[in-house]
Amino acid sequence: MAQGRKVVAQNRRATHDYFIEERLEAGLALTGSEVKSLRTGKASLGESYAGESKGELYLFNAHISEYSPANRFSHEPRRPRKLLVHRRQMERLLGQVRRDGYTLVPLSIYFNERGLAKLELGLAKGKRKADRREDVKKRDWSRQRARLLRERG
């Protein structure tokens, strides 16, 4: 999923707070002013999450700033946005969320090579405090090891 994409917003806390078990791409049902605002890079996924509403998959609490040239035709910044995924895929994801205690975490919003706005969703399990501490220790050790190898030549 890395080739030909222009990342607009990332959820950096997601990998800190969750074990990302699976990543998938979903389309977003957006209005024109939302797309224009995304193209200027004015979006945030900080407190957003994905979930079910009325038998569909939605992105909640994602902030896409208003596009000022749109005036009265602009959009509401934190409105729920429908995610476009295949029915089978959606039912599989929601089944895992209900049964196994997984969470659907938005990881990034980007434009693909065709210029379409996409959302990278992660099927995730929450990390405990000890898991987070272990990750910090591993990261520190890898930095220290790289530094030692550089010094030795």
C-alpha atoms as a PDB file:
ATOM      1  CA  MET A   1       0.000   0.000   0.000  1.00  0.00           C
ATOM      2  CA  ALA A   2       3.025   2.331  -0.030  1.00  0.00           C
ATOM      3  CA  GLN A   3       3.430   3.085  -3.766  1.00  0.00           C
ATOM      4  CA  GLY A   4       1.789   6.125  -5.320  1.00  0.00           C
ATOM      5  CA  ARG A   5       0.027   7.488  -2.289  1.00  0.00           C
ATOM      6  CA  LYS A   6      -0.030  10.984  -0.809  1.00  0.00           C
ATOM      7  CA  VAL A   7      -0.649  10.722   2.941  1.00  0.00           C
ATOM      8  CA  VAL A   8      -2.930  13.458   4.288  1.00  0.00           C
ATOM      9  CA  ALA A   9      -3.290  12.456   7.966  1.00  0.00           C
ATOM     10  CA  GLN A  10      -1.830   9.734  10.167  1.00  0.00           C
ATOM     11  CA  ASN A  11      -2.834   8.330  13.531  1.00  0.00           C
ATOM     12  CA  ARG A  12       0.584   7.964  15.158  1.00  0.00           C
ATOM     13  CA  ARG A  13      -0.804   6.928  18.535  1.00  0.00           C
ATOM     14  CA  ALA A  14      -2.456   3.852  17.040  1.00  0.00           C
ATOM     15  CA  THR A  15       0.747   1.769  16.892  1.00  0.00           C
ATOM     16  CA  HIS A  16       1.625   2.921  20.413  1.00  0.00           C
ATOM     17  CA  ASP A  17      -1.746   1.967  21.920  1.00  0.00           C
ATOM     18  CA  TYR A  18      -2.642  -1.116  19.837  1.00  0.00           C
ATOM     19  CA  PHE A  19      -1.206  -4.275  18.292  1.00  0.00           C
ATOM     20  CA  ILE A  20      -2.195  -3.908  14.628  1.00  0.00           C
ATOM     21  CA  GLU A  21      -3.062  -7.449  13.500  1.00  0.00           C
ATOM     22  CA  GLU A  22      -4.355  -6.651  10.016  1.00  0.00           C
ATOM     23  CA  ARG A  23      -4.412  -3.604   7.742  1.00  0.00           C
ATOM     24  CA  LEU A  24      -6.952  -2.936   5.028  1.00  0.00           C
ATOM     25  CA  GLU A  25      -7.971  -0.181   2.656  1.00  0.00           C
ATOM     26  CA  ALA A  26     -11.445   1.369   2.687  1.00  0.00           C
ATOM     27  CA  GLY A  27     -12.964   4.069   0.538  1.00  0.00           C
ATOM     28  CA  LEU A  28     -14.575   7.143   2.078  1.00  0.00           C
ATOM     29  CA  ALA A  29     -17.924   8.686   1.094  1.00  0.00           C
ATOM     30  CA  LEU A  30     -17.024  12.396   1.122  1.00  0.00           C
ATOM     31  CA  THR A  31     -18.545  15.647  -0.063  1.00  0.00           C
ATOM     32  CA  GLY A  32     -16.720  17.937  -2.497  1.00  0.00           C
ATOM     33  CA  SER A  33     -15.620  20.419   0.154  1.00  0.00           C
ATOM     34  CA  GLU A  34     -14.203  17.562   2.272  1.00  0.00           C
ATOM     35  CA  VAL A  35     -12.083  16.333  -0.624  1.00  0.00           C
ATOM     36  CA  LYS A  36     -10.777  19.855  -1.282  1.00  0.00           C
ATOM     37  CA  SER A  37      -9.953  20.282   2.397  1.00  0.00           C
ATOM     38  CA  LEU A  38      -8.115  16.930   2.388  1.00  0.00           C
ATOM     39  CA  ARG A  39      -6.089  18.003  -0.650  1.00  0.00           C
ATOM     40  CA  THR A  40      -4.837  20.984   1.378  1.00  0.00           C
ATOM     41  CA  GLY A  41      -3.869  18.541   4.161  1.00  0.00           C
ATOM     42  CA  LYS A  42      -6.291  19.746   6.824  1.00  0.00           C
ATOM     43  CA  ALA A  43      -7.384  16.577   8.589  1.00  0.00           C
ATOM     44  CA  SER A  44      -6.814  14.841  11.908  1.00  0.00           C
ATOM     45  CA  LEU A  45      -7.395  11.241  12.985  1.00  0.00           C
ATOM     46  CA  GLY A  46      -6.352  11.797  16.607  1.00  0.00           C
ATOM     47  CA  GLU A  47      -9.489  10.669  18.455  1.00  0.00           C
ATOM     48  CA  SER A  48     -11.259   8.924  15.590  1.00  0.00           C
ATOM     49  CA  TYR A  49     -12.543   5.363  15.470  1.00  0.00           C
ATOM     50  CA  ALA A  50     -14.519   3.145  13.114  1.00  0.00           C
ATOM     51  CA  GLY A  51     -17.691   1.320  14.035  1.00  0.00           C
ATOM     52  CA  GLU A  52     -21.089   0.076  12.990  1.00  0.00           C
ATOM     53  CA  SER A  53     -24.185   2.212  12.604  1.00  0.00           C
ATOM     54  CA  LYS A  54     -27.410   1.123  10.868  1.00  0.00           C
ATOM     55  CA  GLY A  55     -25.737  -1.973   9.427  1.00  0.00           C
ATOM     56  CA  GLU A  56     -22.957   0.052   7.764  1.00  0.00           C
ATOM     57  CA  LEU A  57     -19.361   0.849   8.672  1.00  0.00           C
ATOM     58  CA  TYR A  58     -18.662   4.487   9.618  1.00  0.00           C
ATOM     59  CA  LEU A  59     -15.688   6.629  10.581  1.00  0.00           C
ATOM     60  CA  PHE A  60     -16.548   8.639  13.693  1.00  0.00           C
ATOM     61  CA  ASN A  61     -14.922  11.733  15.185  1.00  0.00           C
ATOM     62  CA  ALA A  62     -12.379  12.299  12.385  1.00  0.00           C
ATOM     63  CA  HIS A  63     -11.790  16.014  11.940  1.00  0.00           C
ATOM     64  CA  ILE A  64     -11.670  17.375   8.382  1.00  0.00           C
ATOM     65  CA  SER A  65     -11.471  21.174   8.552  1.00  0.00           C
ATOM     66  CA  GLU A  66     -14.033  23.290   6.751  1.00  0.00           C
ATOM     67  CA  TYR A  67     -13.035  24.467   3.280  1.00  0.00           C
ATOM     68  CA  SER A  68     -13.492  28.247   3.517  1.00  0.00           C
ATOM     69  CA  PRO A  69     -14.015  28.958  -0.240  1.00  0.00           C
ATOM     70  CA  ALA A  70     -17.049  26.619  -0.110  1.00  0.00           C
ATOM     71  CA  ASN A  71     -18.893  29.184   2.085  1.00  0.00           C
ATOM     72  CA  ARG A  72     -22.390  27.924   2.888  1.00  0.00           C
ATOM     73  CA  PHE A  73     -21.839  24.672   0.945  1.00  0.00           C
ATOM     74  CA  SER A  74     -19.115  23.568   3.355  1.00  0.00           C
ATOM     75  CA  HIS A  75     -19.373  20.464   5.542  1.00  0.00           C
ATOM     76  CA  GLU A  76     -19.566  19.732   9.253  1.00  0.00           C
ATOM     77  CA  PRO A  77     -15.969  18.977  10.421  1.00  0.00           C
ATOM     78  CA  ARG A  78     -16.683  15.962  12.669  1.00  0.00           C
ATOM     79  CA  ARG A  79     -19.634  14.332  10.923  1.00  0.00           C
ATOM     80  CA  PRO A  80     -19.730  10.502  10.659  1.00  0.00           C
ATOM     81  CA  ARG A  81     -18.405   9.378   7.269  1.00  0.00           C
ATOM     82  CA  LYS A  82     -19.461   6.150   5.600  1.00  0.00           C
ATOM     83  CA  LEU A  83     -16.688   3.662   4.825  1.00  0.00           C
ATOM     84  CA  LEU A  84     -16.881   1.852   1.520  1.00  0.00           C
ATOM     85  CA  VAL A  85     -15.923  -1.805   1.910  1.00  0.00           C
ATOM     86  CA  HIS A  86     -17.277  -5.035   0.466  1.00  0.00           C
ATOM     87  CA  ARG A  87     -20.209  -6.542   2.393  1.00  0.00           C
ATOM     88  CA  ARG A  88     -18.341  -9.783   3.186  1.00  0.00           C
ATOM     89  CA  GLN A  89     -15.295  -7.857   4.358  1.00  0.00           C
ATOM     90  CA  MET A  90     -17.444  -5.650   6.594  1.00  0.00           C
ATOM     91  CA  GLU A  91     -19.252  -8.627   8.130  1.00  0.00           C
ATOM     92  CA  ARG A  92     -15.944 -10.413   8.793  1.00  0.00           C
ATOM     93  CA  LEU A  93     -14.491  -7.320  10.493  1.00  0.00           C
ATOM     94  CA  LEU A  94     -17.596  -6.644  12.581  1.00  0.00           C
ATOM     95  CA  GLY A  95     -17.720 -10.322  13.574  1.00  0.00           C
ATOM     96  CA  GLN A  96     -14.170 -10.112  14.909  1.00  0.00           C
ATOM     97  CA  VAL A  97     -14.979  -6.883  16.728  1.00  0.00           C
ATOM     98  CA  ARG A  98     -18.041  -8.446  18.397  1.00  0.00           C
ATOM     99  CA  ARG A  99     -16.615 -11.901  19.155  1.00  0.00           C
ATOM    100  CA  ASP A 100     -12.907 -11.459  19.748  1.00  0.00           C
ATOM    101  CA  GLY A 101     -12.727  -7.966  21.242  1.00  0.00           C
ATOM    102  CA  TYR A 102     -10.866  -6.324  18.394  1.00  0.00           C
ATOM    103  CA  THR A 103     -11.078  -2.605  17.604  1.00  0.00           C
ATOM    104  CA  LEU A 104     -11.189  -0.910  14.200  1.00  0.00           C
ATOM    105  CA  VAL A 105      -8.593   1.857  14.302  1.00  0.00           C
ATOM    106  CA  PRO A 106      -8.105   4.378  11.474  1.00  0.00           C
ATOM    107  CA  LEU A 107      -4.373   4.535  10.696  1.00  0.00           C
ATOM    108  CA  SER A 108      -4.141   7.071   7.855  1.00  0.00           C
ATOM    109  CA  ILE A 109      -6.065   8.961   5.192  1.00  0.00           C
ATOM    110  CA  TYR A 110      -4.384   9.211   1.814  1.00  0.00           C
ATOM    111  CA  PHE A 111      -4.974   9.677  -1.895  1.00  0.00           C
ATOM    112  CA  ASN A 112      -4.153   6.636  -4.030  1.00  0.00           C
ATOM    113  CA  GLU A 113      -2.522   6.714  -7.481  1.00  0.00           C
ATOM    114  CA  ARG A 114      -5.933   7.361  -9.100  1.00  0.00           C
ATOM    115  CA  GLY A 115      -6.538  10.389  -6.860  1.00  0.00           C
ATOM    116  CA  LEU A 116      -9.234   8.763  -4.709  1.00  0.00           C
ATOM    117  CA  ALA A 117      -9.366   9.392  -0.950  1.00  0.00           C
ATOM    118  CA  LYS A 118      -8.782   6.168   0.996  1.00  0.00           C
ATOM    119  CA  LEU A 119      -8.613   5.241   4.667  1.00  0.00           C
ATOM    120  CA  GLU A 120      -6.174   2.661   5.991  1.00  0.00           C
ATOM    121  CA  LEU A 121      -7.968   0.737   8.738  1.00  0.00           C
ATOM    122  CA  GLY A 122      -6.298  -1.501  11.266  1.00  0.00           C
ATOM    123  CA  LEU A 123      -7.874  -4.459  13.028  1.00  0.00           C
ATOM    124  CA  ALA A 124      -6.261  -4.045  16.426  1.00  0.00           C
ATOM    125  CA  LYS A 125      -6.034  -5.386  19.982  1.00  0.00           C
ATOM    126  CA  GLY A 126      -5.327  -3.000  22.841  1.00  0.00           C
ATOM    127  CA  LYS A 127      -1.896  -2.977  24.475  1.00  0.00           C
ATOM    128  CA  ARG A 128      -1.451  -3.155  28.208  1.00  0.00           C
ATOM    129  CA  LYS A 129       0.906  -0.827  30.051  1.00  0.00           C
ATOM    130  CA  ALA A 130       3.571  -3.547  30.326  1.00  0.00           C
ATOM    131  CA  ASP A 131       3.407  -4.148  26.555  1.00  0.00           C
ATOM    132  CA  ARG A 132       3.971  -0.449  25.900  1.00  0.00           C
ATOM    133  CA  ARG A 133       6.937  -0.388  28.284  1.00  0.00           C
ATOM    134  CA  GLU A 134       8.416  -3.406  26.502  1.00  0.00           C
ATOM    135  CA  ASP A 135       8.101  -1.622  23.150  1.00  0.00           C
ATOM    136  CA  VAL A 136       9.901   1.423  24.542  1.00  0.00           C
ATOM    137  CA  LYS A 137      12.718  -0.800  25.862  1.00  0.00           C
ATOM    138  CA  LYS A 138      13.105  -2.506  22.466  1.00  0.00           C
ATOM    139  CA  ARG A 139      13.162   0.836  20.646  1.00  0.00           C
ATOM    140  CA  ASP A 140      15.760   2.269  23.066  1.00  0.00           C
ATOM    141  CA  TRP A 141      17.948  -0.827  22.770  1.00  0.00           C
ATOM    142  CA  SER A 142      17.852  -0.777  18.964  1.00  0.00           C
ATOM    143  CA  ARG A 143      18.862   2.925  18.984  1.00  0.00           C
ATOM    144  CA  GLN A 144      21.675   2.234  21.441  1.00  0.00           C
ATOM    145  CA  ARG A 145      22.878  -0.776  19.422  1.00  0.00           C
ATOM    146  CA  ALA A 146      22.930   1.285  16.215  1.00  0.00           C
ATOM    147  CA  ARG A 147      24.906   4.004  18.005  1.00  0.00           C
ATOM    148  CA  LEU A 148      27.451   1.474  19.309  1.00  0.00           C
ATOM    149  CA  LEU A 149      27.884  -0.068  15.850  1.00  0.00           C
ATOM    150  CA  ARG A 150      28.437   3.376  14.321  1.00  0.00           C
ATOM    151  CA  GLU A 151      31.079   4.236  16.929  1.00  0.00           C
ATOM    152  CA  ARG A 152      32.997   1.003  16.351  1.00  0.00           C
ATOM    153  CA  GLY A 153      33.174   1.722  12.664  1.00  0.00           C
END
